[in-house]
């Protein structure tokens, strides 16, 4: 089978175009995935901060210390 120089050049050009096109597509997907992860993380932080916010009547203080016998039970 004989192939001309023009045919080989055309195939090489197409291969290069396809490679660049796929690379750009992968870069866009990676960027979109990163942006989605950043947004999701920010939403999670906001949710936790809202859950941890103090409300009127809150009197408990959490200090991260172990509690041995500090909680007293009261009769109803």
C-alpha atoms as a PDB file:
ATOM      1  CA  UNK A   1       0.000   0.000   0.000  1.00  0.00           C
ATOM      2  CA  UNK A   2       1.434   3.319  -0.988  1.00  0.00           C
ATOM      3  CA  UNK A   3       0.741   6.385   1.057  1.00  0.00           C
ATOM      4  CA  UNK A   4       1.680   9.825  -0.023  1.00  0.00           C
ATOM      5  CA  UNK A   5       3.509  12.385   2.027  1.00  0.00           C
ATOM      6  CA  UNK A   6       0.371  14.542   2.079  1.00  0.00           C
ATOM      7  CA  UNK A   7      -1.667  11.681   3.546  1.00  0.00           C
ATOM      8  CA  UNK A   8       0.919  11.082   6.291  1.00  0.00           C
ATOM      9  CA  UNK A   9       1.046  14.803   7.035  1.00  0.00           C
ATOM     10  CA  UNK A  10      -2.754  14.942   7.231  1.00  0.00           C
ATOM     11  CA  UNK A  11      -2.849  11.964   9.615  1.00  0.00           C
ATOM     12  CA  UNK A  12      -0.146  13.520  11.799  1.00  0.00           C
ATOM     13  CA  UNK A  13      -2.018  16.819  11.909  1.00  0.00           C
ATOM     14  CA  UNK A  14      -5.260  15.070  12.813  1.00  0.00           C
ATOM     15  CA  UNK A  15      -3.492  13.076  15.540  1.00  0.00           C
ATOM     16  CA  UNK A  16      -2.009  16.231  17.010  1.00  0.00           C
ATOM     17  CA  UNK A  17      -5.383  17.993  16.911  1.00  0.00           C
ATOM     18  CA  UNK A  18      -7.135  15.042  18.561  1.00  0.00           C
ATOM     19  CA  UNK A  19      -4.493  14.878  21.295  1.00  0.00           C
ATOM     20  CA  UNK A  20      -4.708  18.602  22.051  1.00  0.00           C
ATOM     21  CA  UNK A  21      -8.498  18.512  21.983  1.00  0.00           C
ATOM     22  CA  UNK A  22      -8.655  15.616  24.432  1.00  0.00           C
ATOM     23  CA  UNK A  23      -6.081  17.237  26.709  1.00  0.00           C
ATOM     24  CA  UNK A  24      -8.070  20.469  26.874  1.00  0.00           C
ATOM     25  CA  UNK A  25     -11.212  18.494  27.617  1.00  0.00           C
ATOM     26  CA  UNK A  26      -9.497  16.672  30.481  1.00  0.00           C
ATOM     27  CA  UNK A  27      -8.142  19.947  31.856  1.00  0.00           C
ATOM     28  CA  UNK A  28     -11.640  21.450  31.792  1.00  0.00           C
ATOM     29  CA  UNK A  29     -13.085  18.412  33.558  1.00  0.00           C
ATOM     30  CA  UNK A  30     -10.375  18.562  36.223  1.00  0.00           C
ATOM     31  CA  UNK A  31     -10.955  22.279  36.746  1.00  0.00           C
ATOM     32  CA  UNK A  32     -14.719  21.779  37.040  1.00  0.00           C
ATOM     33  CA  UNK A  33     -14.233  18.931  39.509  1.00  0.00           C
ATOM     34  CA  UNK A  34     -11.890  21.063  41.600  1.00  0.00           C
ATOM     35  CA  UNK A  35     -14.336  23.965  41.614  1.00  0.00           C
ATOM     36  CA  UNK A  36     -17.167  21.647  42.656  1.00  0.00           C
ATOM     37  CA  UNK A  37     -15.065  20.237  45.502  1.00  0.00           C
ATOM     38  CA  UNK A  38     -14.179  23.726  46.730  1.00  0.00           C
ATOM     39  CA  UNK A  39     -17.830  24.783  46.659  1.00  0.00           C
ATOM     40  CA  UNK A  40     -18.900  21.613  48.454  1.00  0.00           C
ATOM     41  CA  UNK A  41     -16.281  22.124  51.143  1.00  0.00           C
ATOM     42  CA  UNK A  42     -17.393  25.715  51.660  1.00  0.00           C
ATOM     43  CA  UNK A  43     -21.008  24.604  51.968  1.00  0.00           C
ATOM     44  CA  UNK A  44     -20.033  21.962  54.523  1.00  0.00           C
ATOM     45  CA  UNK A  45     -18.131  24.531  56.590  1.00  0.00           C
ATOM     46  CA  UNK A  46     -21.092  26.905  56.515  1.00  0.00           C
ATOM     47  CA  UNK A  47     -23.413  24.092  57.591  1.00  0.00           C
ATOM     48  CA  UNK A  48     -21.188  23.130  60.512  1.00  0.00           C
ATOM     49  CA  UNK A  49     -20.877  26.740  61.624  1.00  0.00           C
ATOM     50  CA  UNK A  50     -24.665  27.103  61.534  1.00  0.00           C
ATOM     51  CA  UNK A  51     -25.068  23.915  63.583  1.00  0.00           C
ATOM     52  CA  UNK A  52     -22.496  25.071  66.126  1.00  0.00           C
ATOM     53  CA  UNK A  53     -23.951  28.562  66.559  1.00  0.00           C
ATOM     54  CA  UNK A  54     -25.183  29.372  70.036  1.00  0.00           C
ATOM     55  CA  UNK A  55     -28.857  29.772  70.638  1.00  0.00           C
ATOM     56  CA  UNK A  56     -30.681  31.645  73.406  1.00  0.00           C
ATOM     57  CA  UNK A  57     -30.687  29.512  76.539  1.00  0.00           C
ATOM     58  CA  UNK A  58     -27.500  27.580  75.739  1.00  0.00           C
ATOM     59  CA  UNK A  59     -25.443  27.205  78.900  1.00  0.00           C
ATOM     60  CA  UNK A  60     -23.100  24.326  78.065  1.00  0.00           C
ATOM     61  CA  UNK A  61     -19.430  24.950  77.411  1.00  0.00           C
ATOM     62  CA  UNK A  62     -17.352  22.321  75.641  1.00  0.00           C
ATOM     63  CA  UNK A  63     -13.629  22.591  76.182  1.00  0.00           C
ATOM     64  CA  UNK A  64     -12.386  19.288  74.744  1.00  0.00           C
ATOM     65  CA  UNK A  65     -11.378  18.008  78.195  1.00  0.00           C
ATOM     66  CA  UNK A  66     -12.298  14.518  79.444  1.00  0.00           C
ATOM     67  CA  UNK A  67     -15.216  14.576  81.851  1.00  0.00           C
ATOM     68  CA  UNK A  68     -14.952  12.214  84.816  1.00  0.00           C
ATOM     69  CA  UNK A  69     -17.827  12.691  87.213  1.00  0.00           C
ATOM     70  CA  UNK A  70     -18.396  16.322  86.339  1.00  0.00           C
ATOM     71  CA  UNK A  71     -21.937  15.671  85.169  1.00  0.00           C
ATOM     72  CA  UNK A  72     -24.408  15.309  87.985  1.00  0.00           C
ATOM     73  CA  UNK A  73     -27.657  13.490  87.612  1.00  0.00           C
ATOM     74  CA  UNK A  74     -30.764  15.136  89.050  1.00  0.00           C
ATOM     75  CA  UNK A  75     -34.028  13.555  90.006  1.00  0.00           C
ATOM     76  CA  UNK A  76     -37.029  14.367  87.891  1.00  0.00           C
END
